[in-house]
C-alpha atoms as a PDB file:
ATOM      1  CA  MET A   1       0.000   0.000   0.000  1.00  0.00           C
ATOM      2  CA  PHE A   2       1.115   3.578  -0.619  1.00  0.00           C
ATOM      3  CA  THR A   3      -0.380   7.031  -0.152  1.00  0.00           C
ATOM      4  CA  ILE A   4      -1.282   9.402  -2.959  1.00  0.00           C
ATOM      5  CA  ASP A   5      -2.254  13.027  -3.236  1.00  0.00           C
ATOM      6  CA  PRO A   6      -5.828  13.591  -1.921  1.00  0.00           C
ATOM      7  CA  PHE A   7      -7.074  14.786  -5.325  1.00  0.00           C
ATOM      8  CA  SER A   8      -5.372  12.035  -7.316  1.00  0.00           C
ATOM      9  CA  CYS A   9      -8.360   9.752  -7.064  1.00  0.00           C
ATOM     10  CA  TYR A  10     -10.336  12.220  -9.195  1.00  0.00           C
ATOM     11  CA  PHE A  11      -8.092  12.496 -12.221  1.00  0.00           C
ATOM     12  CA  TYR A  12      -5.699  10.602 -14.406  1.00  0.00           C
ATOM     13  CA  ILE A  13      -2.803  12.383 -16.091  1.00  0.00           C
ATOM     14  CA  ASN A  14      -1.471  10.802 -19.236  1.00  0.00           C
ATOM     15  CA  PRO A  15       2.322  11.143 -18.968  1.00  0.00           C
ATOM     16  CA  ALA A  16       2.556  11.751 -22.737  1.00  0.00           C
ATOM     17  CA  GLN A  17       0.069  14.632 -22.580  1.00  0.00           C
ATOM     18  CA  ILE A  18       1.478  18.160 -22.953  1.00  0.00           C
ATOM     19  CA  PHE A  19      -0.009  20.819 -20.704  1.00  0.00           C
ATOM     20  CA  ASP A  20      -0.164  24.569 -21.063  1.00  0.00           C
ATOM     21  CA  PRO A  21       1.900  26.223 -18.326  1.00  0.00           C
ATOM     22  CA  GLN A  22       0.022  26.986 -15.139  1.00  0.00           C
ATOM     23  CA  VAL A  23      -0.329  30.737 -14.609  1.00  0.00           C
ATOM     24  CA  THR A  24      -0.888  32.343 -11.215  1.00  0.00           C
ATOM     25  CA  VAL A  25      -1.826  36.004 -10.973  1.00  0.00           C
ATOM     26  CA  GLY A  26      -2.033  37.559  -7.546  1.00  0.00           C
ATOM     27  CA  ILE A  27      -2.253  40.782  -5.662  1.00  0.00           C
ATOM     28  CA  THR A  28      -1.108  41.204  -2.082  1.00  0.00           C
ATOM     29  CA  GLN A  29      -1.431  43.981   0.444  1.00  0.00           C
ATOM     30  CA  GLU A  30       0.181  44.338   3.858  1.00  0.00           C
ATOM     31  CA  ILE A  31      -0.289  47.018   6.490  1.00  0.00           C
ATOM     32  CA  ALA A  32       1.889  46.954   9.605  1.00  0.00           C
ATOM     33  CA  TYR A  33       2.315  48.882  12.829  1.00  0.00           C
ATOM     34  CA  HIS A  34       5.276  48.579  15.176  1.00  0.00           C
ATOM     35  CA  ASP A  35       6.329  50.204  18.421  1.00  0.00           C
ATOM     36  CA  LYS A  36       8.353  49.181  21.462  1.00  0.00           C
ATOM     37  CA  MET A  37       5.753  46.714  22.785  1.00  0.00           C
ATOM     38  CA  ASN A  38       3.375  46.040  19.858  1.00  0.00           C
ATOM     39  CA  ASP A  39       3.581  44.504  16.404  1.00  0.00           C
ATOM     40  CA  ALA A  40       0.417  44.402  14.325  1.00  0.00           C
ATOM     41  CA  ARG A  41       0.009  43.261  10.721  1.00  0.00           C
ATOM     42  CA  PHE A  42      -2.853  42.853   8.304  1.00  0.00           C
ATOM     43  CA  MET A  43      -2.191  40.906   5.116  1.00  0.00           C
ATOM     44  CA  MET A  44      -4.487  40.075   2.212  1.00  0.00           C
ATOM     45  CA  PHE A  45      -3.863  37.887  -0.827  1.00  0.00           C
ATOM     46  CA  LEU A  46      -6.068  37.458  -3.889  1.00  0.00           C
ATOM     47  CA  LEU A  47      -4.906  34.715  -6.268  1.00  0.00           C
ATOM     48  CA  LYS A  48      -6.244  33.424  -9.570  1.00  0.00           C
ATOM     49  CA  GLU A  49      -4.781  30.352 -11.259  1.00  0.00           C
ATOM     50  CA  THR A  50      -5.387  29.255 -14.832  1.00  0.00           C
ATOM     51  CA  ASN A  51      -4.382  26.038 -16.596  1.00  0.00           C
ATOM     52  CA  ASN A  52      -4.386  24.342 -13.234  1.00  0.00           C
ATOM     53  CA  ILE A  53      -2.930  20.853 -13.681  1.00  0.00           C
ATOM     54  CA  ILE A  54      -5.230  19.551 -10.952  1.00  0.00           C
ATOM     55  CA  ASP A  55      -8.295  20.249 -13.056  1.00  0.00           C
ATOM     56  CA  LEU A  56     -10.962  17.798 -12.087  1.00  0.00           C
ATOM     57  CA  GLU A  57     -13.727  18.957 -14.406  1.00  0.00           C
ATOM     58  CA  ASN A  58     -11.968  21.137 -17.008  1.00  0.00           C
ATOM     59  CA  ILE A  59     -12.941  24.264 -15.103  1.00  0.00           C
ATOM     60  CA  ASN A  60      -9.360  25.428 -15.624  1.00  0.00           C
ATOM     61  CA  THR A  61      -9.388  28.356 -13.162  1.00  0.00           C
ATOM     62  CA  SER A  62      -9.402  28.754  -9.412  1.00  0.00           C
ATOM     63  CA  THR A  63      -9.652  31.859  -7.262  1.00  0.00           C
ATOM     64  CA  SER A  64      -8.853  32.297  -3.595  1.00  0.00           C
ATOM     65  CA  LEU A  65      -8.827  35.145  -1.086  1.00  0.00           C
ATOM     66  CA  VAL A  66      -6.762  34.932   2.103  1.00  0.00           C
ATOM     67  CA  SER A  67      -6.628  37.493   4.905  1.00  0.00           C
ATOM     68  CA  ILE A  68      -4.433  37.336   7.991  1.00  0.00           C
ATOM     69  CA  ILE A  69      -4.378  39.470  11.125  1.00  0.00           C
ATOM     70  CA  ASN A  70      -1.321  39.051  13.321  1.00  0.00           C
ATOM     71  CA  TYR A  71      -0.680  40.762  16.669  1.00  0.00           C
ATOM     72  CA  ASP A  72       2.339  40.359  18.954  1.00  0.00           C
ATOM     73  CA  TYR A  73       2.512  42.006  22.367  1.00  0.00           C
ATOM     74  CA  LYS A  74       5.654  42.184  24.446  1.00  0.00           C
ATOM     75  CA  ILE A  75       4.193  42.317  27.963  1.00  0.00           C
ATOM     76  CA  ASP A  76       7.631  42.712  29.507  1.00  0.00           C
ATOM     77  CA  ILE A  77      11.184  41.598  28.759  1.00  0.00           C
ATOM     78  CA  ASP A  78      10.343  37.999  29.738  1.00  0.00           C
ATOM     79  CA  THR A  79       6.713  37.651  28.612  1.00  0.00           C
ATOM     80  CA  LYS A  80       5.388  37.640  25.048  1.00  0.00           C
ATOM     81  CA  LEU A  81       1.949  37.071  23.548  1.00  0.00           C
ATOM     82  CA  ASN A  82       1.600  36.110  19.863  1.00  0.00           C
ATOM     83  CA  THR A  83      -1.806  35.889  18.180  1.00  0.00           C
ATOM     84  CA  GLN A  84      -3.015  35.341  14.650  1.00  0.00           C
ATOM     85  CA  PHE A  85      -6.345  34.909  12.903  1.00  0.00           C
ATOM     86  CA  SER A  86      -6.683  33.924   9.258  1.00  0.00           C
ATOM     87  CA  TYR A  87      -9.606  33.547   6.909  1.00  0.00           C
ATOM     88  CA  ALA A  88      -9.482  31.965   3.478  1.00  0.00           C
ATOM     89  CA  ARG A  89     -12.230  31.725   0.877  1.00  0.00           C
ATOM     90  CA  TYR A  90     -11.842  29.437  -2.106  1.00  0.00           C
ATOM     91  CA  PHE A  91     -14.359  30.375  -4.776  1.00  0.00           C
ATOM     92  CA  ASP A  92     -16.439  27.887  -6.757  1.00  0.00           C
ATOM     93  CA  VAL A  93     -14.466  24.779  -5.875  1.00  0.00           C
ATOM     94  CA  ARG A  94     -15.703  22.084  -8.252  1.00  0.00           C
ATOM     95  CA  ASN A  95     -18.889  20.523  -6.874  1.00  0.00           C
ATOM     96  CA  LEU A  96     -18.372  21.949  -3.366  1.00  0.00           C
ATOM     97  CA  GLY A  97     -19.209  25.597  -4.103  1.00  0.00           C
ATOM     98  CA  ASP A  98     -17.347  28.210  -2.058  1.00  0.00           C
ATOM     99  CA  ILE A  99     -15.206  26.933   0.824  1.00  0.00           C
ATOM    100  CA  ASN A 100     -14.471  29.011   3.911  1.00  0.00           C
ATOM    101  CA  ALA A 101     -11.547  28.138   6.157  1.00  0.00           C
ATOM    102  CA  TYR A 102     -10.673  29.774   9.479  1.00  0.00           C
ATOM    103  CA  SER A 103      -7.690  29.337  11.763  1.00  0.00           C
ATOM    104  CA  SER A 104      -6.148  31.113  14.699  1.00  0.00           C
ATOM    105  CA  TYR A 105      -3.514  30.652  17.316  1.00  0.00           C
ATOM    106  CA  MET A 106      -2.489  32.225  20.590  1.00  0.00           C
ATOM    107  CA  LEU A 107       0.961  31.652  22.086  1.00  0.00           C
ATOM    108  CA  LEU A 108       2.093  32.859  25.488  1.00  0.00           C
ATOM    109  CA  SER A 109       5.719  32.478  26.546  1.00  0.00           C
ATOM    110  CA  ASN A 110       7.202  33.580  29.839  1.00  0.00           C
ATOM    111  CA  GLN A 111      10.450  33.255  31.709  1.00  0.00           C
ATOM    112  CA  TYR A 112      10.929  33.602  35.450  1.00  0.00           C
ATOM    113  CA  GLU A 113      14.408  33.110  36.839  1.00  0.00           C
ATOM    114  CA  ASN A 114      15.408  29.550  35.745  1.00  0.00           C
ATOM    115  CA  LEU A 115      11.890  28.557  34.598  1.00  0.00           C
ATOM    116  CA  SER A 116      10.480  28.938  31.084  1.00  0.00           C
ATOM    117  CA  PHE A 117       6.760  28.538  30.381  1.00  0.00           C
ATOM    118  CA  TYR A 118       5.047  28.044  27.036  1.00  0.00           C
ATOM    119  CA  ASN A 119       1.340  27.696  26.220  1.00  0.00           C
ATOM    120  CA  GLY A 120      -0.086  27.566  22.723  1.00  0.00           C
ATOM    121  CA  VAL A 121      -3.602  26.972  21.406  1.00  0.00           C
ATOM    122  CA  VAL A 122      -4.340  26.447  17.699  1.00  0.00           C
ATOM    123  CA  TRP A 123      -7.908  26.409  16.276  1.00  0.00           C
ATOM    124  CA  ASN A 124      -8.953  25.312  12.768  1.00  0.00           C
ATOM    125  CA  TYR A 125     -12.360  25.138  11.084  1.00  0.00           C
ATOM    126  CA  ASP A 126     -13.525  24.775   7.484  1.00  0.00           C
ATOM    127  CA  SER A 127     -16.945  24.671   5.860  1.00  0.00           C
ATOM    128  CA  VAL A 128     -16.353  21.265   4.235  1.00  0.00           C
ATOM    129  CA  ARG A 129     -15.798  19.244   7.406  1.00  0.00           C
ATOM    130  CA  SER A 130     -17.733  21.641   9.701  1.00  0.00           C
ATOM    131  CA  THR A 131     -15.642  20.530  12.664  1.00  0.00           C
ATOM    132  CA  ASN A 132     -13.730  22.603  15.189  1.00  0.00           C
ATOM    133  CA  TYR A 133     -10.176  21.390  15.770  1.00  0.00           C
ATOM    134  CA  PHE A 134      -8.129  22.472  18.797  1.00  0.00           C
ATOM    135  CA  ASP A 135      -4.516  21.798  19.651  1.00  0.00           C
ATOM    136  CA  TRP A 136      -3.242  22.876  23.070  1.00  0.00           C
ATOM    137  CA  THR A 137       0.463  22.459  23.736  1.00  0.00           C
ATOM    138  CA  SER A 138       2.103  23.434  27.018  1.00  0.00           C
ATOM    139  CA  SER A 139       5.576  23.108  28.500  1.00  0.00           C
ATOM    140  CA  ILE A 140       7.640  24.039  31.543  1.00  0.00           C
ATOM    141  CA  SER A 141      11.438  24.025  31.368  1.00  0.00           C
ATOM    142  CA  TRP A 142      13.803  24.314  34.292  1.00  0.00           C
ATOM    143  CA  ASP A 143      17.405  25.309  33.620  1.00  0.00           C
ATOM    144  CA  ILE A 144      19.040  23.557  36.565  1.00  0.00           C
ATOM    145  CA  THR A 145      22.490  24.677  35.387  1.00  0.00           C
ATOM    146  CA  GLU A 146      23.797  26.221  32.167  1.00  0.00           C
ATOM    147  CA  ASP A 147      24.302  22.710  30.800  1.00  0.00           C
ATOM    148  CA  LEU A 148      21.351  20.810  32.307  1.00  0.00           C
ATOM    149  CA  THR A 149      17.674  21.427  31.455  1.00  0.00           C
ATOM    150  CA  PHE A 150      14.604  19.498  32.586  1.00  0.00           C
ATOM    151  CA  THR A 151      11.365  19.889  30.539  1.00  0.00           C
ATOM    152  CA  LEU A 152       7.808  18.662  31.038  1.00  0.00           C
ATOM    153  CA  LYS A 153       5.817  19.002  27.806  1.00  0.00           C
ATOM    154  CA  GLY A 154       2.260  18.161  26.756  1.00  0.00           C
ATOM    155  CA  GLU A 155       1.210  18.192  23.086  1.00  0.00           C
ATOM    156  CA  ASN A 156      -2.319  18.086  21.664  1.00  0.00           C
ATOM    157  CA  LEU A 157      -3.647  17.840  25.209  1.00  0.00           C
ATOM    158  CA  PHE A 158      -7.316  18.018  24.076  1.00  0.00           C
ATOM    159  CA  ASP A 159      -6.674  15.252  21.493  1.00  0.00           C
ATOM    160  CA  LYS A 160      -8.675  17.362  19.030  1.00  0.00           C
ATOM    161  CA  ALA A 161      -5.981  18.546  16.602  1.00  0.00           C
ATOM    162  CA  GLN A 162      -6.870  18.825  12.925  1.00  0.00           C
ATOM    163  CA  THR A 163      -6.657  15.615  10.961  1.00  0.00           C
ATOM    164  CA  ASP A 164      -5.609  15.047   7.361  1.00  0.00           C
ATOM    165  CA  THR A 165      -7.172  12.460   5.097  1.00  0.00           C
ATOM    166  CA  ILE A 166      -4.806  10.121   3.307  1.00  0.00           C
ATOM    167  CA  PHE A 167      -6.257   8.352   0.276  1.00  0.00           C
ATOM    168  CA  ARG A 168      -4.840   4.956  -0.610  1.00  0.00           C
ATOM    169  CA  ILE A 169      -4.927   2.616  -3.579  1.00  0.00           C
ATOM    170  CA  ASN A 170      -4.511  -1.115  -3.348  1.00  0.00           C
ATOM    171  CA  PRO A 171      -1.555  -1.744  -5.701  1.00  0.00           C
ATOM    172  CA  GLN A 172      -2.763  -5.264  -6.484  1.00  0.00           C
ATOM    173  CA  THR A 173      -6.304  -4.379  -7.516  1.00  0.00           C
ATOM    174  CA  GLY A 174      -6.043  -0.643  -8.311  1.00  0.00           C
ATOM    175  CA  SER A 175      -9.165   0.028  -6.244  1.00  0.00           C
ATOM    176  CA  MET A 176      -9.526   2.773  -3.656  1.00  0.00           C
ATOM    177  CA  MET A 177      -9.103   1.647  -0.074  1.00  0.00           C
ATOM    178  CA  GLN A 178     -10.721   3.150   3.022  1.00  0.00           C
ATOM    179  CA  PRO A 179      -9.104   6.589   3.568  1.00  0.00           C
ATOM    180  CA  LEU A 180      -7.076   7.127   6.729  1.00  0.00           C
ATOM    181  CA  SER A 181      -7.698  10.081   9.035  1.00  0.00           C
ATOM    182  CA  VAL A 182      -4.359  11.026  10.563  1.00  0.00           C
ATOM    183  CA  SER A 183      -3.421  13.846  12.916  1.00  0.00           C
ATOM    184  CA  PRO A 184       0.084  15.181  12.335  1.00  0.00           C
ATOM    185  CA  ILE A 185       0.222  15.964  16.062  1.00  0.00           C
ATOM    186  CA  GLU A 186      -0.240  13.064  18.440  1.00  0.00           C
ATOM    187  CA  GLN A 187      -1.534  13.509  21.961  1.00  0.00           C
ATOM    188  CA  ARG A 188       1.368  12.950  24.308  1.00  0.00           C
ATOM    189  CA  VAL A 189       3.111  14.061  27.477  1.00  0.00           C
ATOM    190  CA  SER A 190       6.891  13.854  27.607  1.00  0.00           C
ATOM    191  CA  ILE A 191       9.680  14.458  30.073  1.00  0.00           C
ATOM    192  CA  GLU A 192      12.970  15.579  28.590  1.00  0.00           C
ATOM    193  CA  VAL A 193      16.402  15.940  30.132  1.00  0.00           C
ATOM    194  CA  GLU A 194      18.987  17.828  28.110  1.00  0.00           C
ATOM    195  CA  TYR A 195      22.662  17.941  28.997  1.00  0.00           C
ATOM    196  CA  LEU A 196      25.241  19.871  26.992  1.00  0.00           C
ATOM    197  CA  PHE A 197      28.740  18.436  27.023  1.00  0.00           C
END
């Protein structure tokens, strides 16, 4: 068994076929603000592709709009907050219509004497799956000496991180097998000891 691209089950490309070059036309805009404690950015991308090689129904064009708001706040010399929200709209996607996708994250890092703290939450949602996905990762590190560090870390603590679908073909029969739903981030808690020689 082997994995293939998620869209590969919908099309067959004849290796002898010659394709017109794919053309991507885009416009981007970014506005930013920066001072001693704040960084704020707003970015927007509008892209249109023609002669798309992944053309399932000879539609031959695709259009997408992506906007991102990013804000970083330096609370003090040891404490930082990073946030981001993004929205993407993919227009007239084959038989699915318009697709909306949302994601955001919030990261808080802090250091107090020999202790370092990290907390991060990531959220994803799209209108195809209509499911909220959360990933909370947290860690505490203790620098016992300059060479020795002890860390307690938890990843995907809610066990609700976004999953990806992997489509498979049985190489013996050529038929589609049951797709796998795999999270790139496993739920786990780990203890790490690091020593520098």
